[in-house]
Amino acid sequence: MQIEPRHAGGNREAPMIDQAAASEKERRLLDSLRSLDSLLVAFSGGADSAYLAWAAHRVLSDRALSVTALSASFSGHDREQAEKFVQASGIRHEFIETHEFENPSYVANNADRCYHCKDELFDRMEALANSRNFHSIAYGINADDRRDFRPGHRAAHEHQVLAPLLHAELAKAEIRWLSQRAALPTWDRPASACLSSRVPYGTAVTRELMEKIDRAEAVLRSLGFRQFRVRAHGELARIELAADELSRGLAPEMTRQILAGVKQAGFSIVTIDLEGYRQGSLNSLLKIK
């Protein structure tokens, strides 16, 4: 049987979901997790990692611990959402600190930035696993992520980090449907990436720039927008809004409020991108190099 789930704040059509196939994939996922002695889960608070954290908790209980990394690239909103999920789901959870901004290779923001981020994350998780006697580490890459540029997956491979959702061949839409079935509040959460992903490759990422982007995105959130990005090009903020929210953002009075708020956040020039929100839009620049 196929259904079309409500899509979560993006600009693409939601694909049809084969419920039986998705359920079978979930069964395989739970079986694979059940076979583990114990597990640390990298948990960002997004739909994928939240579903993985829930699944690990379901079959491993206290032998699973979800870990959220705090750094300058993790927005205050994302931390709030992670905390809400932990409270609602009852998963075992801890925050840890990562220090990727102390690594010049990360700050340089070349095309391999995500590799250095994940390398730092998995270093910290390995240290925690060794001190707490956890036997495995996992993160929430899914089957659709193979279509995009994902240097962080190389770091996961080097650290022997498990990819249970990918191994079960679960796609994003299936994860959202299974999360909805499990009554997880993250099932329709818009896609979210670290704040550094808002900066073009080759432009240094700094704590100060992250704070400015975070403030600008908080303005859009306060105005009721759901799926968006503030891309930072020097003093210019290029705003991407989801296709179903773009016309609202272009209404004269709303545009005035956006401009005023984002300028107050620290940007001198503000523009709204007429192509709208595209996940990983800055990755497209790599294709012309």
Protein backbone atom coordinates (compact mmCIF):
# COMPACT_ATOMS: atom_id res chain seq x y z
CA MET A 1 0.00 0.00 0.00
CA GLN A 2 1.27 3.48 -0.83
CA ILE A 3 0.51 6.81 0.79
CA GLU A 4 1.76 10.31 0.18
CA PRO A 5 2.86 11.85 3.49
CA ARG A 6 2.53 15.53 4.23
CA HIS A 7 5.85 17.07 3.28
CA ALA A 8 7.87 18.95 5.85
CA GLY A 9 8.43 22.51 4.76
CA GLY A 10 10.47 22.12 1.59
CA ASN A 11 10.19 22.97 -2.06
CA ARG A 12 9.93 19.46 -3.52
CA GLU A 13 7.07 17.04 -4.00
CA ALA A 14 6.89 14.34 -1.33
CA PRO A 15 7.47 10.89 -2.86
CA MET A 16 5.02 8.05 -2.50
CA ILE A 17 5.68 5.76 0.47
CA ASP A 18 5.30 2.01 0.40
CA GLN A 19 4.20 1.35 3.97
CA ALA A 20 4.96 -2.37 3.91
CA ALA A 21 8.46 -1.78 2.55
CA ALA A 22 9.13 0.96 5.11
CA SER A 23 7.89 -1.28 7.93
CA GLU A 24 10.15 -4.08 6.76
CA LYS A 25 13.12 -1.72 6.71
CA GLU A 26 12.28 -0.65 10.25
CA ARG A 27 12.20 -4.28 11.33
CA ARG A 28 15.67 -4.78 9.86
CA LEU A 29 16.88 -1.62 11.57
CA LEU A 30 15.60 -2.72 14.98
CA ASP A 31 17.09 -6.18 14.54
CA SER A 32 20.48 -4.73 13.67
CA LEU A 33 20.41 -2.43 16.69
CA ARG A 34 19.23 -5.24 18.95
CA SER A 35 22.33 -7.25 18.01
CA LEU A 36 24.64 -4.59 19.47
CA ASP A 37 26.02 -4.77 22.98
CA SER A 38 25.71 -1.01 23.56
CA LEU A 39 25.57 2.11 21.44
CA LEU A 40 26.34 5.83 21.39
CA VAL A 41 24.13 7.74 18.93
CA ALA A 42 25.18 11.08 17.44
CA PHE A 43 21.97 13.08 17.95
CA SER A 44 21.53 16.53 16.39
CA GLY A 45 17.80 16.83 17.01
CA GLY A 46 16.80 16.47 13.36
CA ALA A 47 14.33 13.93 12.02
CA ASP A 48 16.91 11.30 11.08
CA SER A 49 19.02 11.28 14.23
CA ALA A 50 15.91 11.57 16.40
CA TYR A 51 14.39 8.49 14.77
CA LEU A 52 17.67 6.60 15.20
CA ALA A 53 17.91 7.67 18.85
CA TRP A 54 14.33 6.53 19.45
CA ALA A 55 14.95 3.18 17.74
CA ALA A 56 18.14 2.56 19.72
CA HIS A 57 16.39 3.42 22.97
CA ARG A 58 13.47 1.15 22.07
CA VAL A 59 15.60 -1.98 21.70
CA LEU A 60 18.64 -1.24 23.89
CA SER A 61 17.10 0.89 26.65
CA ASP A 62 19.86 2.11 29.00
CA ARG A 63 22.50 0.45 26.84
CA ALA A 64 21.95 3.27 24.34
CA LEU A 65 23.05 6.85 24.97
CA SER A 66 22.33 9.71 22.56
CA VAL A 67 24.92 12.47 22.46
CA THR A 68 24.52 16.02 21.18
CA ALA A 69 27.62 18.08 20.36
CA LEU A 70 27.59 21.73 21.37
CA SER A 71 29.73 24.22 19.46
CA ALA A 72 29.44 27.63 17.83
CA SER A 73 27.91 26.04 14.72
CA PHE A 74 25.00 24.50 16.65
CA SER A 75 22.19 27.04 16.86
CA GLY A 76 20.32 27.91 20.01
CA HIS A 77 17.11 26.83 18.29
CA ASP A 78 18.53 23.41 17.48
CA ARG A 79 19.61 22.94 21.09
CA GLU A 80 16.10 23.85 22.24
CA GLN A 81 14.56 21.36 19.82
CA ALA A 82 16.95 18.62 20.95
CA GLU A 83 16.05 19.23 24.59
CA LYS A 84 12.33 19.09 23.80
CA PHE A 85 12.71 15.78 22.01
CA VAL A 86 14.68 14.26 24.89
CA GLN A 87 11.98 15.32 27.35
CA ALA A 88 9.16 14.01 25.15
CA SER A 89 10.77 10.68 24.22
CA GLY A 90 12.54 9.75 27.45
CA ILE A 91 15.74 8.71 25.66
CA ARG A 92 18.97 8.61 27.62
CA HIS A 93 20.92 11.68 26.53
CA GLU A 94 23.92 13.91 27.23
CA PHE A 95 25.46 17.06 25.77
CA ILE A 96 29.18 17.14 25.02
CA GLU A 97 31.41 19.94 23.74
CA THR A 98 33.33 19.78 20.48
CA HIS A 99 36.14 22.12 19.48
CA GLU A 100 36.25 22.14 15.70
CA PHE A 101 36.69 25.93 15.69
CA GLU A 102 40.16 25.37 17.18
CA ASN A 103 41.13 23.43 14.04
CA PRO A 104 42.47 25.74 11.26
CA SER A 105 41.43 23.19 8.64
CA TYR A 106 37.82 23.49 9.77
CA VAL A 107 37.86 27.28 10.06
CA ALA A 108 39.31 27.58 6.53
CA ASN A 109 35.98 26.22 5.30
CA ASN A 110 37.22 24.34 2.30
CA ALA A 111 35.13 21.64 0.62
CA ASP A 112 36.21 19.11 3.27
CA ARG A 113 34.93 21.19 6.21
CA CYS A 114 32.35 18.59 7.18
CA TYR A 115 35.06 15.96 7.33
CA HIS A 116 36.90 17.92 10.03
CA CYS A 117 33.65 18.52 11.92
CA LYS A 118 32.71 14.85 11.97
CA ASP A 119 36.30 13.83 12.73
CA GLU A 120 36.21 16.01 15.85
CA LEU A 121 32.75 14.71 16.81
CA PHE A 122 33.75 11.08 16.49
CA ASP A 123 37.01 11.69 18.37
CA ARG A 124 34.98 13.03 21.30
CA MET A 125 32.45 10.22 21.06
CA GLU A 126 35.21 7.61 20.98
CA ALA A 127 36.69 9.07 24.14
CA LEU A 128 33.27 8.93 25.80
CA ALA A 129 32.70 5.38 24.58
CA ASN A 130 36.03 4.25 26.00
CA SER A 131 35.40 5.88 29.36
CA ARG A 132 31.82 4.49 29.64
CA ASN A 133 32.42 1.10 28.01
CA PHE A 134 30.13 1.62 25.01
CA HIS A 135 31.02 -0.78 22.23
CA SER A 136 29.66 1.01 19.15
CA ILE A 137 28.95 4.48 17.77
CA ALA A 138 26.31 5.35 15.16
CA TYR A 139 25.06 8.38 13.26
CA GLY A 140 21.98 9.19 11.21
CA ILE A 141 22.99 9.29 7.56
CA ASN A 142 20.15 7.95 5.40
CA ALA A 143 19.88 6.42 1.93
CA ASP A 144 19.05 9.75 0.25
CA ASP A 145 22.20 11.39 1.62
CA ARG A 146 24.31 9.43 -0.84
CA ARG A 147 23.05 11.78 -3.56
CA ASP A 148 24.71 14.85 -2.01
CA PHE A 149 28.33 15.76 -1.24
CA ARG A 150 29.00 14.22 2.21
CA PRO A 151 32.68 14.39 3.26
CA GLY A 152 31.60 13.62 6.82
CA HIS A 153 30.83 10.08 5.72
CA ARG A 154 34.57 9.55 5.13
CA ALA A 155 35.26 10.49 8.75
CA ALA A 156 32.59 8.04 9.87
CA HIS A 157 34.21 5.29 7.82
CA GLU A 158 37.64 6.06 9.28
CA HIS A 159 36.27 5.94 12.82
CA GLN A 160 34.25 2.77 12.08
CA VAL A 161 31.01 4.54 12.97
CA LEU A 162 27.86 2.61 12.13
CA ALA A 163 25.23 3.97 9.73
CA PRO A 164 22.13 1.94 10.69
CA LEU A 165 19.60 3.96 8.66
CA LEU A 166 21.75 3.73 5.56
CA HIS A 167 22.36 0.03 6.16
CA ALA A 168 18.59 -0.52 6.36
CA GLU A 169 18.21 1.52 3.13
CA LEU A 170 15.79 3.91 4.79
CA ALA A 171 15.08 7.05 2.76
CA LYS A 172 14.12 10.41 4.25
CA ALA A 173 10.42 10.17 3.43
CA GLU A 174 10.26 6.69 4.97
CA ILE A 175 11.95 7.95 8.13
CA ARG A 176 9.42 10.77 8.37
CA TRP A 177 6.49 8.37 7.94
CA LEU A 178 7.87 5.88 10.47
CA SER A 179 8.53 8.74 12.89
CA GLN A 180 4.95 9.96 12.47
CA ARG A 181 3.68 6.45 13.13
CA ALA A 182 5.77 6.34 16.30
CA ALA A 183 4.34 9.75 17.34
CA LEU A 184 7.75 11.39 17.33
CA PRO A 185 7.46 15.21 17.31
CA THR A 186 10.39 15.43 14.89
CA TRP A 187 8.59 13.59 12.08
CA ASP A 188 7.90 16.78 10.12
CA ARG A 189 10.75 18.93 11.38
CA PRO A 190 12.28 20.94 8.51
CA ALA A 191 15.75 19.96 7.36
CA SER A 192 18.41 21.50 9.56
CA ALA A 193 22.17 21.69 9.12
CA CYS A 194 24.94 23.36 11.11
CA LEU A 195 25.32 27.12 10.84
CA SER A 196 28.67 26.76 9.03
CA SER A 197 26.76 25.35 6.04
CA ARG A 198 25.40 28.86 5.44
CA VAL A 199 28.87 30.14 4.45
CA PRO A 200 30.36 29.68 0.95
CA TYR A 201 33.37 27.41 0.75
CA GLY A 202 36.64 29.32 1.06
CA THR A 203 35.19 31.96 3.41
CA ALA A 204 36.44 31.43 6.95
CA VAL A 205 33.86 30.37 9.52
CA THR A 206 34.15 32.12 12.88
CA ARG A 207 32.18 32.10 16.10
CA GLU A 208 31.17 35.72 15.48
CA LEU A 209 29.80 34.90 12.04
CA MET A 210 27.86 31.93 13.43
CA GLU A 211 26.26 34.19 16.04
CA LYS A 212 25.24 36.69 13.36
CA ILE A 213 23.66 34.00 11.18
CA ASP A 214 21.90 32.54 14.23
CA ARG A 215 20.41 35.95 15.07
CA ALA A 216 19.27 36.49 11.47
CA GLU A 217 17.58 33.10 11.27
CA ALA A 218 15.88 33.74 14.61
CA VAL A 219 14.30 36.80 12.97
CA LEU A 220 12.80 34.69 10.17
CA ARG A 221 11.58 32.13 12.68
CA SER A 222 9.91 34.86 14.74
CA LEU A 223 8.11 36.01 11.58
CA GLY A 224 6.58 32.57 11.19
CA PHE A 225 8.79 31.07 8.46
CA ARG A 226 9.49 27.38 8.77
CA GLN A 227 11.99 26.21 6.14
CA PHE A 228 14.69 28.71 5.24
CA ARG A 229 18.39 29.52 5.23
CA VAL A 230 20.35 32.72 5.69
CA ARG A 231 23.41 32.34 3.45
CA ALA A 232 26.19 34.73 4.44
CA HIS A 233 28.19 36.32 1.62
CA GLY A 234 30.33 38.83 3.47
CA GLU A 235 28.10 41.71 4.49
CA LEU A 236 25.30 40.37 2.31
CA ALA A 237 22.66 37.99 3.67
CA ARG A 238 21.01 35.91 0.93
CA ILE A 239 17.74 34.50 2.24
CA GLU A 240 16.33 31.27 0.86
CA LEU A 241 12.67 30.60 1.67
CA ALA A 242 10.76 27.40 0.90
CA ALA A 243 8.70 27.53 -2.29
CA ASP A 244 5.41 27.53 -0.38
CA GLU A 245 6.61 30.45 1.80
CA LEU A 246 8.36 32.56 -0.82
CA SER A 247 5.36 34.61 -1.92
CA ARG A 248 4.67 35.55 1.68
CA GLY A 249 8.28 36.64 2.10
CA LEU A 250 8.05 38.81 -1.01
CA ALA A 251 4.95 40.67 0.16
CA PRO A 252 6.02 44.32 0.65
CA GLU A 253 5.26 44.60 4.36
CA MET A 254 6.87 41.24 5.16
CA THR A 255 9.92 42.15 3.08
CA ARG A 256 10.27 45.34 5.09
CA GLN A 257 10.21 43.38 8.36
CA ILE A 258 12.73 40.86 7.06
CA LEU A 259 15.12 43.57 5.93
CA ALA A 260 14.91 45.46 9.20
CA GLY A 261 15.37 42.38 11.35
CA VAL A 262 18.23 40.81 9.40
CA LYS A 263 20.07 44.14 9.23
CA GLN A 264 19.64 44.49 12.98
CA ALA A 265 21.19 41.03 13.30
CA GLY A 266 24.37 42.43 11.76
CA PHE A 267 24.16 42.26 7.95
CA SER A 268 24.50 45.40 5.85
CA ILE A 269 22.77 44.11 2.71
CA VAL A 270 19.82 41.72 2.55
CA THR A 271 18.39 39.96 -0.48
CA ILE A 272 15.72 37.29 -0.96
CA ASP A 273 16.75 34.54 -3.39
CA LEU A 274 14.03 34.08 -6.04
CA GLU A 275 14.99 30.40 -6.49
CA GLY A 276 13.93 29.75 -2.90
CA TYR A 277 15.32 27.22 -0.45
CA ARG A 278 17.54 24.44 -1.81
CA GLN A 279 19.12 22.00 0.59
CA GLY A 280 22.90 22.15 0.20
CA SER A 281 22.66 24.92 -2.41
CA LEU A 282 26.25 26.01 -1.81
CA ASN A 283 27.46 22.53 -2.79
CA SER A 284 26.42 23.28 -6.37
CA LEU A 285 29.33 25.71 -6.60
CA LEU A 286 31.73 22.79 -6.29
CA LYS A 287 30.62 21.44 -9.66
CA ILE A 288 32.07 24.37 -11.57
CA LYS A 289 35.53 24.21 -10.00
